[in-house]
Amino acid sequence: MVGKLKLGIVGCGGIANGKHLPSLSKLKNIELVAFCDIELDKAEKAAKQYGTENAKVYEDYQELLKDESINVIHVLTPNISHAEISIASMEAGKHVLCEKPMAKTSAEAREMLEVAKRTGKKLTIGYDNRFRPDSQSLHKITRRGDLGDIYFAKAHAIRRRAVPTWGVFLDEEKQGGGPLIDIGTHALDLTLWMMDNYKPKSVMGNVYHVLGKNGNAANAWGPWDPEKFKVEDSAFGFITMENGATITLEASWALNTLDVDEAKCSLSGSKGGADMKNGLRINGEDMGNLYTKNVELGAGGVAYYDGASESNADLEARLWIDCIINDTEPTVKPEEAFVVTQILEAIYESAKTGKAVYFD
């Protein structure tokens, strides 16, 4: 492609300002030329801070999409509109990065996938935890075959008391669920990516709305309103894959536990195991002895210098733009994100019916 890519941002709230815009603004091969939010003041503020001199602001994303000069759209809105805006953007000839999860439902996610294939536009999902140093290293280790066949894994997304009380996080209609679809989705994505296994056979699940009923509760962001807490406070899934592998998924915003981990996984394979519980640890046996290896992830080694570093958000943004310019596949493929949404939906469905959900 010639010249700089022109980007439009749809949704100028917390995830845009906390993650995407700071990282995108560091790139020299893009221009942030359009900002849209249903609260126009948010779009105006983002445009002033991050946009080009002539950046435009919109309340209606459909008006933004009429600008044929825009190459890429970032969809950073509540889950309920992920599919609608992503599909319209691809139909308008734009490549799309959509924040996680891919969509509120698997039917919507499937339609996104089909539109991407039909239009030839690139589509990726914002699973930025893949771009952490420990995730990148563990993925290389698993691809090299060090763990052998991974047949048991745990996906961890447990907070003791960290319920997001702003925006629409507690609104089931707009989000589709609570911690399972919010942070459990990151842990499941990491786990499936490490296993390179995207063929689920069956799912059993339970969800709980217990602590969310409590008023004046201890919480990282202050007490939640029990009347507005319409989603689960914890959820758990048992996933069996077609090849017989087992995955357990645990997710909570509020749970009486001291075993707290978020966006991490533990893996057990035929040759060795790994976990992200206390840094990146590899375990196995050698010459009749068991070993545990702690992987040093820093770039240091020289006094007063820790080496160049790139945050997971920065790396995600850079590699996404590079894949468009170089016409290569994105790190997070939409086919992979679709399976994550399928499994999350199945956990919710199993919890409602009390029965296993089987995949064709």
Protein backbone atom coordinates (compact mmCIF):
# COMPACT_ATOMS: atom_id res chain seq x y z
CA MET A 1 0.00 0.00 0.00
CA VAL A 2 1.17 3.53 -0.76
CA GLY A 3 1.22 6.21 1.94
CA LYS A 4 -0.19 6.00 5.43
CA LEU A 5 -3.24 3.97 6.40
CA LYS A 6 -6.16 6.11 7.49
CA LEU A 7 -7.98 4.85 10.59
CA GLY A 8 -11.43 5.51 12.00
CA ILE A 9 -12.34 4.83 15.63
CA VAL A 10 -15.90 3.82 16.53
CA GLY A 11 -16.36 4.02 20.29
CA CYS A 12 -14.21 6.54 22.15
CA GLY A 13 -14.65 5.31 25.72
CA GLY A 14 -12.37 3.59 28.21
CA ILE A 15 -10.88 0.85 26.03
CA ALA A 16 -10.16 3.33 23.24
CA ASN A 17 -8.37 5.80 25.47
CA GLY A 18 -6.79 3.26 27.80
CA LYS A 19 -5.45 0.86 25.17
CA HIS A 20 -5.90 1.52 21.46
CA LEU A 21 -5.34 5.23 20.94
CA PRO A 22 -2.10 5.53 22.95
CA SER A 23 -0.62 2.58 21.04
CA LEU A 24 -1.86 3.63 17.60
CA SER A 25 -0.54 7.15 18.12
CA LYS A 26 3.01 5.74 18.32
CA LEU A 27 2.86 4.28 14.81
CA LYS A 28 4.33 6.28 11.93
CA ASN A 29 2.48 4.47 9.14
CA ILE A 30 -1.08 5.44 10.11
CA GLU A 31 -3.23 8.52 10.55
CA LEU A 32 -6.15 8.75 12.96
CA VAL A 33 -8.60 10.71 10.83
CA ALA A 34 -12.10 9.94 12.18
CA PHE A 35 -13.68 9.46 15.60
CA CYS A 36 -17.24 8.37 16.36
CA ASP A 37 -19.20 8.02 19.59
CA ILE A 38 -22.87 8.32 20.49
CA GLU A 39 -21.64 10.81 23.08
CA LEU A 40 -20.15 13.37 20.71
CA ASP A 41 -18.01 15.04 23.38
CA LYS A 42 -16.02 11.81 23.75
CA ALA A 43 -15.30 11.72 20.03
CA GLU A 44 -14.30 15.38 20.07
CA LYS A 45 -11.95 14.88 23.01
CA ALA A 46 -10.28 11.85 21.40
CA ALA A 47 -9.92 13.66 18.07
CA LYS A 48 -8.30 16.64 19.75
CA GLN A 49 -5.81 14.47 21.64
CA TYR A 50 -4.97 11.82 19.03
CA GLY A 51 -6.34 12.87 15.66
CA THR A 52 -4.82 14.59 12.67
CA GLU A 53 -5.30 18.32 12.30
CA ASN A 54 -8.37 17.82 10.12
CA ALA A 55 -9.78 14.77 11.94
CA LYS A 56 -13.55 14.48 11.70
CA VAL A 57 -15.99 13.55 14.48
CA TYR A 58 -19.29 11.72 14.17
CA GLU A 59 -22.24 10.55 16.26
CA ASP A 60 -23.38 8.04 13.62
CA TYR A 61 -20.87 5.44 12.48
CA GLN A 62 -22.74 5.02 9.19
CA GLU A 63 -21.75 8.57 8.28
CA LEU A 64 -18.13 7.82 9.10
CA LEU A 65 -18.16 4.76 6.85
CA LYS A 66 -19.10 6.91 3.85
CA ASP A 67 -15.54 8.30 3.85
CA GLU A 68 -13.89 6.19 1.15
CA SER A 69 -10.40 7.34 2.15
CA ILE A 70 -10.57 5.41 5.44
CA ASN A 71 -8.83 2.03 5.25
CA VAL A 72 -9.28 0.60 8.75
CA ILE A 73 -11.95 0.74 11.46
CA HIS A 74 -11.46 -0.11 15.13
CA VAL A 75 -14.75 -1.19 16.73
CA LEU A 76 -14.49 -0.33 20.43
CA THR A 77 -18.12 -0.37 21.53
CA PRO A 78 -20.24 -2.51 23.90
CA ASN A 79 -20.60 -6.14 22.85
CA ILE A 80 -24.14 -5.73 21.54
CA SER A 81 -22.93 -3.66 18.56
CA HIS A 82 -19.69 -5.47 17.71
CA ALA A 83 -21.19 -7.50 14.87
CA GLU A 84 -23.38 -4.75 13.43
CA ILE A 85 -20.59 -2.19 13.14
CA SER A 86 -17.90 -4.68 12.07
CA ILE A 87 -20.10 -6.07 9.29
CA ALA A 88 -21.09 -2.61 8.04
CA SER A 89 -17.42 -1.56 8.07
CA MET A 90 -16.28 -4.55 6.02
CA GLU A 91 -19.17 -4.06 3.61
CA ALA A 92 -17.94 -0.47 3.21
CA GLY A 93 -14.50 -1.74 2.21
CA LYS A 94 -12.66 -1.32 5.53
CA HIS A 95 -10.41 -3.72 7.41
CA VAL A 96 -11.63 -4.22 10.98
CA LEU A 97 -10.16 -4.71 14.42
CA CYS A 98 -13.05 -5.44 16.79
CA GLU A 99 -12.55 -5.51 20.53
CA LYS A 100 -13.13 -8.77 22.34
CA PRO A 101 -15.30 -10.75 22.48
CA MET A 102 -15.95 -11.17 18.77
CA ALA A 103 -19.70 -10.75 19.27
CA LYS A 104 -22.48 -11.15 21.79
CA THR A 105 -23.67 -14.40 20.13
CA SER A 106 -22.11 -17.10 17.99
CA ALA A 107 -24.64 -16.42 15.22
CA GLU A 108 -23.40 -12.83 15.00
CA ALA A 109 -19.79 -13.97 15.11
CA ARG A 110 -20.44 -16.45 12.29
CA GLU A 111 -21.92 -13.68 10.16
CA MET A 112 -18.84 -11.51 10.80
CA LEU A 113 -16.64 -14.38 9.67
CA GLU A 114 -18.70 -14.95 6.53
CA VAL A 115 -18.65 -11.26 5.59
CA ALA A 116 -14.87 -11.11 6.06
CA LYS A 117 -14.44 -14.04 3.67
CA ARG A 118 -16.89 -12.63 1.12
CA THR A 119 -15.47 -9.10 1.08
CA GLY A 120 -11.82 -10.10 1.39
CA LYS A 121 -11.35 -7.59 4.21
CA LYS A 122 -9.10 -8.44 7.13
CA LEU A 123 -10.80 -9.01 10.48
CA THR A 124 -9.15 -9.50 13.84
CA ILE A 125 -10.31 -9.47 17.46
CA GLY A 126 -8.65 -7.57 20.32
CA TYR A 127 -7.23 -10.45 22.35
CA ASP A 128 -4.23 -8.40 23.43
CA ASN A 129 -3.07 -10.87 26.10
CA ARG A 130 -1.59 -12.98 23.31
CA PHE A 131 1.00 -10.22 22.91
CA ARG A 132 2.42 -10.33 26.46
CA PRO A 133 6.03 -11.56 26.74
CA ASP A 134 5.00 -14.68 28.69
CA SER A 135 2.28 -15.52 26.18
CA GLN A 136 4.59 -15.04 23.20
CA SER A 137 7.28 -17.21 24.79
CA LEU A 138 4.91 -19.98 25.83
CA HIS A 139 3.35 -20.07 22.38
CA LYS A 140 6.78 -20.61 20.82
CA ILE A 141 7.49 -23.35 23.36
CA THR A 142 4.24 -25.18 22.60
CA ARG A 143 4.70 -24.83 18.83
CA ARG A 144 8.19 -26.32 19.13
CA GLY A 145 6.61 -29.37 20.74
CA ASP A 146 8.29 -29.11 24.13
CA LEU A 147 5.09 -30.06 25.97
CA GLY A 148 4.06 -32.77 23.54
CA ASP A 149 0.32 -33.28 23.05
CA ILE A 150 -1.55 -30.98 25.46
CA TYR A 151 -4.50 -33.00 26.75
CA PHE A 152 -5.44 -31.06 29.91
CA ALA A 153 -5.54 -27.31 30.45
CA LYS A 154 -6.98 -24.70 32.79
CA ALA A 155 -8.05 -21.23 31.73
CA HIS A 156 -7.83 -18.79 34.64
CA ALA A 157 -9.76 -15.52 34.95
CA ILE A 158 -10.38 -15.11 38.68
CA ARG A 159 -10.75 -11.81 40.50
CA ARG A 160 -11.54 -11.76 44.22
CA ARG A 161 -13.36 -8.40 44.19
CA ALA A 162 -12.98 -6.37 41.00
CA VAL A 163 -16.40 -5.75 39.50
CA PRO A 164 -16.40 -3.00 36.84
CA THR A 165 -19.17 -0.63 37.92
CA TRP A 166 -19.02 1.86 35.04
CA GLY A 167 -20.43 1.81 31.53
CA VAL A 168 -22.61 -1.17 30.61
CA PHE A 169 -20.58 -3.98 32.18
CA LEU A 170 -23.45 -5.02 34.46
CA ASP A 171 -26.06 -4.86 31.67
CA GLU A 172 -26.78 -8.34 30.31
CA GLU A 173 -28.68 -7.02 27.31
CA LYS A 174 -25.79 -4.89 26.07
CA GLN A 175 -22.92 -7.18 27.07
CA GLY A 176 -24.33 -10.69 26.91
CA GLY A 177 -22.91 -11.67 30.29
CA GLY A 178 -20.47 -10.80 33.04
CA PRO A 179 -16.98 -12.05 33.88
CA LEU A 180 -17.23 -15.07 31.59
CA ILE A 181 -17.67 -13.00 28.42
CA ASP A 182 -15.51 -10.14 29.73
CA ILE A 183 -12.34 -11.72 31.15
CA GLY A 184 -13.01 -15.45 30.77
CA THR A 185 -12.86 -14.85 27.03
CA HIS A 186 -9.20 -13.77 27.32
CA ALA A 187 -8.22 -16.84 29.33
CA LEU A 188 -10.00 -19.21 26.95
CA ASP A 189 -8.46 -17.55 23.90
CA LEU A 190 -4.97 -17.94 25.38
CA THR A 191 -5.58 -21.58 26.24
CA LEU A 192 -6.93 -22.61 22.83
CA TRP A 193 -4.11 -20.71 21.12
CA MET A 194 -1.47 -22.53 23.14
CA MET A 195 -3.10 -25.89 22.46
CA ASP A 196 -3.73 -25.07 18.78
CA ASN A 197 -7.02 -26.89 19.24
CA TYR A 198 -10.22 -25.31 17.94
CA LYS A 199 -12.52 -28.32 17.72
CA PRO A 200 -14.81 -28.50 20.77
CA LYS A 201 -17.01 -31.57 21.22
CA SER A 202 -19.08 -30.73 24.30
CA VAL A 203 -19.44 -28.17 27.06
CA MET A 204 -20.89 -28.23 30.56
CA GLY A 205 -21.22 -25.01 32.52
CA ASN A 206 -22.50 -23.28 35.64
CA VAL A 207 -22.91 -19.58 36.32
CA TYR A 208 -23.60 -17.89 39.67
CA HIS A 209 -25.19 -14.63 40.70
CA VAL A 210 -24.50 -14.80 44.43
CA LEU A 211 -22.20 -12.03 45.65
CA GLY A 212 -23.67 -9.60 43.14
CA LYS A 213 -26.80 -9.47 45.27
CA ASN A 214 -24.89 -7.95 48.19
CA GLY A 215 -25.14 -4.24 48.89
CA ASN A 216 -22.27 -2.04 50.10
CA ALA A 217 -19.79 -4.72 49.02
CA ALA A 218 -16.03 -4.41 49.08
CA ASN A 219 -14.82 -3.81 45.52
CA ALA A 220 -11.80 -2.38 43.74
CA TRP A 221 -13.94 0.31 42.09
CA GLY A 222 -16.37 0.89 44.94
CA PRO A 223 -19.62 -0.88 45.81
CA TRP A 224 -21.85 -2.02 42.98
CA ASP A 225 -25.60 -1.47 42.85
CA PRO A 226 -27.26 -4.90 43.35
CA GLU A 227 -30.30 -3.66 41.41
CA LYS A 228 -28.15 -2.99 38.34
CA PHE A 229 -26.04 -6.16 38.65
CA LYS A 230 -27.87 -8.19 35.97
CA VAL A 231 -25.02 -10.53 34.99
CA GLU A 232 -23.25 -13.41 36.73
CA ASP A 233 -20.51 -12.73 39.26
CA SER A 234 -18.75 -16.04 38.50
CA ALA A 235 -18.90 -18.82 35.91
CA PHE A 236 -17.23 -22.18 35.33
CA GLY A 237 -17.01 -24.43 32.30
CA PHE A 238 -15.87 -27.96 31.51
CA ILE A 239 -14.92 -28.33 27.85
CA THR A 240 -14.15 -31.57 26.02
CA MET A 241 -12.44 -31.32 22.65
CA GLU A 242 -12.87 -33.69 19.71
CA ASN A 243 -9.45 -35.25 20.33
CA GLY A 244 -10.35 -35.98 23.96
CA ALA A 245 -8.48 -33.04 25.51
CA THR A 246 -10.08 -31.38 28.53
CA ILE A 247 -10.20 -27.68 29.43
CA THR A 248 -11.61 -26.17 32.60
CA LEU A 249 -12.50 -22.49 32.48
CA GLU A 250 -12.98 -20.35 35.59
CA ALA A 251 -14.06 -16.71 35.58
CA SER A 252 -15.15 -14.33 38.30
CA TRP A 253 -15.39 -10.66 39.18
CA ALA A 254 -16.33 -11.49 42.76
CA LEU A 255 -15.49 -14.77 44.48
CA ASN A 256 -14.44 -15.70 47.99
CA THR A 257 -11.02 -17.04 47.09
CA LEU A 258 -7.37 -16.16 47.49
CA ASP A 259 -6.40 -18.04 44.32
CA VAL A 260 -6.50 -15.02 42.01
CA ASP A 261 -5.25 -15.11 38.42
CA GLU A 262 -6.43 -13.34 35.29
CA ALA A 263 -5.82 -14.03 31.60
CA LYS A 264 -3.56 -16.99 32.33
CA CYS A 265 -3.49 -20.69 31.54
CA SER A 266 -2.00 -23.92 32.83
CA LEU A 267 -1.09 -26.67 30.39
CA SER A 268 -0.38 -30.39 30.81
CA GLY A 269 1.08 -32.32 27.91
CA SER A 270 2.56 -35.71 27.14
CA LYS A 271 6.14 -34.39 27.43
CA GLY A 272 5.84 -31.57 29.95
CA GLY A 273 3.69 -28.87 31.46
CA ALA A 274 3.60 -25.11 31.85
CA ASP A 275 1.76 -22.42 33.77
CA MET A 276 1.65 -18.66 34.17
CA LYS A 277 0.89 -18.75 37.88
CA ASN A 278 4.15 -17.28 39.14
CA GLY A 279 5.83 -15.99 36.05
CA LEU A 280 6.24 -18.46 33.22
CA ARG A 281 7.14 -21.91 34.54
CA ILE A 282 7.89 -25.07 32.57
CA ASN A 283 7.84 -28.46 34.28
CA GLY A 284 8.85 -31.94 33.22
CA GLU A 285 11.27 -34.77 33.89
CA ASP A 286 14.79 -35.44 32.67
CA MET A 287 16.99 -38.48 33.32
CA GLY A 288 14.68 -39.76 36.05
CA ASN A 289 14.39 -36.39 37.80
CA LEU A 290 11.61 -33.83 37.88
CA TYR A 291 12.40 -30.22 37.07
CA THR A 292 10.75 -26.80 37.15
CA LYS A 293 12.20 -24.09 34.95
CA ASN A 294 11.43 -20.42 35.49
CA VAL A 295 11.73 -18.52 32.22
CA GLU A 296 13.46 -15.13 32.41
CA LEU A 297 11.39 -12.82 30.25
CA GLY A 298 13.27 -9.55 30.77
CA ALA A 299 15.60 -8.13 28.17
CA GLY A 300 18.09 -7.02 30.80
CA GLY A 301 21.47 -8.33 31.89
CA VAL A 302 23.28 -5.01 31.86
CA ALA A 303 23.31 -2.76 34.93
CA TYR A 304 20.85 0.13 34.73
CA TYR A 305 19.47 -1.07 31.39
CA ASP A 306 16.51 -3.37 31.00
CA GLY A 307 16.45 -3.37 27.22
CA ALA A 308 13.83 -2.15 24.80
CA SER A 309 10.29 -3.03 25.74
CA GLU A 310 6.98 -3.00 23.91
CA SER A 311 3.67 -3.35 25.73
CA ASN A 312 1.17 -5.97 24.64
CA ALA A 313 -1.12 -3.19 23.38
CA ASP A 314 1.72 -1.62 21.37
CA LEU A 315 2.70 -4.97 19.86
CA GLU A 316 -0.91 -5.80 19.02
CA ALA A 317 -1.37 -2.47 17.21
CA ARG A 318 1.92 -2.70 15.32
CA LEU A 319 1.44 -6.28 14.12
CA TRP A 320 -2.16 -5.57 13.10
CA ILE A 321 -1.17 -2.63 10.93
CA ASP A 322 1.80 -4.58 9.54
CA CYS A 323 -0.47 -7.44 8.45
CA ILE A 324 -2.62 -5.01 6.47
CA ILE A 325 0.34 -3.31 4.81
CA ASN A 326 2.07 -6.62 4.02
CA ASP A 327 -1.16 -8.51 3.24
CA THR A 328 -0.50 -11.29 5.74
CA GLU A 329 -2.75 -13.04 8.26
CA PRO A 330 -3.45 -11.29 11.58
CA THR A 331 -2.10 -12.87 14.76
CA VAL A 332 -5.66 -13.33 16.04
CA LYS A 333 -7.57 -15.03 13.26
CA PRO A 334 -11.36 -14.53 13.21
CA GLU A 335 -11.91 -18.29 12.86
CA GLU A 336 -10.18 -18.76 16.23
CA ALA A 337 -12.16 -15.98 17.93
CA PHE A 338 -15.37 -17.50 16.58
CA VAL A 339 -14.70 -20.77 18.43
CA VAL A 340 -14.11 -18.82 21.67
CA THR A 341 -17.54 -17.20 21.29
CA GLN A 342 -19.14 -20.57 20.53
CA ILE A 343 -17.76 -22.10 23.72
CA LEU A 344 -18.71 -19.13 25.93
CA GLU A 345 -22.24 -19.22 24.57
CA ALA A 346 -22.40 -22.96 25.22
CA ILE A 347 -21.40 -22.46 28.88
CA TYR A 348 -24.24 -19.97 29.34
CA GLU A 349 -26.65 -22.33 27.56
CA SER A 350 -25.58 -25.33 29.62
CA ALA A 351 -26.00 -23.32 32.82
CA LYS A 352 -29.60 -22.48 31.83
CA THR A 353 -30.62 -26.00 30.85
CA GLY A 354 -28.49 -28.05 33.22
CA LYS A 355 -27.44 -30.17 30.25
CA ALA A 356 -24.33 -30.58 28.16
CA VAL A 357 -24.12 -28.70 24.87
CA TYR A 358 -22.79 -30.78 21.98
CA PHE A 359 -21.19 -29.36 18.84
CA ASP A 360 -21.91 -30.80 15.41
